[in-house]
Amino acid sequence: NKTTYHFKHYVKMSQIGLTESVKGDSKKFEIWLQGRQEVHLIQAATVDQKQTWVNEIKRVLLNQLEELK
Protein backbone atom coordinates (compact mmCIF):
# COMPACT_ATOMS: atom_id res chain seq x y z
CA ASN A 1 0.00 0.00 0.00
CA LYS A 2 2.22 2.78 -1.26
CA THR A 3 0.79 6.24 -1.71
CA THR A 4 1.50 7.73 -5.10
CA TYR A 5 1.18 11.26 -6.41
CA HIS A 6 0.91 12.44 -9.97
CA PHE A 7 2.30 15.84 -10.90
CA LYS A 8 -0.24 17.48 -13.19
CA HIS A 9 0.12 21.21 -12.75
CA TYR A 10 1.85 23.81 -10.64
CA VAL A 11 0.77 27.16 -9.26
CA LYS A 12 3.04 29.86 -7.89
CA MET A 13 2.44 30.36 -4.19
CA SER A 14 2.72 34.11 -4.66
CA GLN A 15 -0.39 34.04 -6.84
CA ILE A 16 -2.82 31.91 -4.85
CA GLY A 17 -5.59 32.34 -2.35
CA LEU A 18 -7.01 29.73 -0.01
CA THR A 19 -10.53 28.71 0.90
CA GLU A 20 -10.21 26.46 3.95
CA SER A 21 -13.66 24.86 3.87
CA VAL A 22 -15.82 23.54 1.08
CA LYS A 23 -19.49 23.17 1.90
CA GLY A 24 -20.54 19.55 2.16
CA ASP A 25 -17.14 17.91 2.66
CA SER A 26 -14.84 18.47 5.63
CA LYS A 27 -11.88 16.89 3.78
CA LYS A 28 -11.86 19.39 0.90
CA PHE A 29 -10.35 22.85 0.45
CA GLU A 30 -9.64 25.15 -2.48
CA ILE A 31 -6.66 27.03 -3.74
CA TRP A 32 -7.28 29.62 -6.42
CA LEU A 33 -5.46 32.11 -8.56
CA GLN A 34 -6.02 35.83 -8.18
CA GLY A 35 -9.60 36.76 -8.91
CA ARG A 36 -10.64 33.09 -8.75
CA GLN A 37 -9.90 32.81 -12.47
CA GLU A 38 -8.68 29.28 -11.82
CA VAL A 39 -9.87 27.20 -8.85
CA HIS A 40 -8.34 23.89 -7.72
CA LEU A 41 -10.43 21.71 -5.43
CA ILE A 42 -8.27 19.48 -3.23
CA GLN A 43 -9.49 16.53 -1.22
CA ALA A 44 -7.36 15.01 1.50
CA ALA A 45 -7.70 11.43 2.69
CA THR A 46 -8.60 12.56 6.23
CA VAL A 47 -9.69 15.72 8.01
CA ASP A 48 -6.38 15.77 9.93
CA GLN A 49 -4.43 15.54 6.68
CA LYS A 50 -6.49 18.38 5.22
CA GLN A 51 -5.78 20.54 8.26
CA THR A 52 -2.06 19.85 7.95
CA TRP A 53 -2.11 20.98 4.30
CA VAL A 54 -4.20 24.08 5.07
CA ASN A 55 -1.95 25.06 7.97
CA GLU A 56 1.19 24.74 5.86
CA ILE A 57 -0.28 26.72 2.96
CA LYS A 58 -1.40 29.46 5.37
CA ARG A 59 2.07 29.55 6.90
CA VAL A 60 3.70 30.03 3.49
CA LEU A 61 1.19 32.71 2.48
CA LEU A 62 1.64 34.61 5.75
CA ASN A 63 5.44 34.42 5.45
CA GLN A 64 5.23 35.84 1.93
CA LEU A 65 3.00 38.66 3.14
CA GLU A 66 5.46 39.53 5.91
CA GLU A 67 8.35 39.61 3.44
CA LEU A 68 6.42 41.97 1.16
CA LYS A 69 5.90 44.48 3.99
Foldseek 3Di string as FASTA:
>chain_A
DDDDDDDDDDDDLVFWDWALDDPPDLQWIWIAGPPNPDIDIDGDPDNVVSVVVVVVSVVVNVVVVVVVD
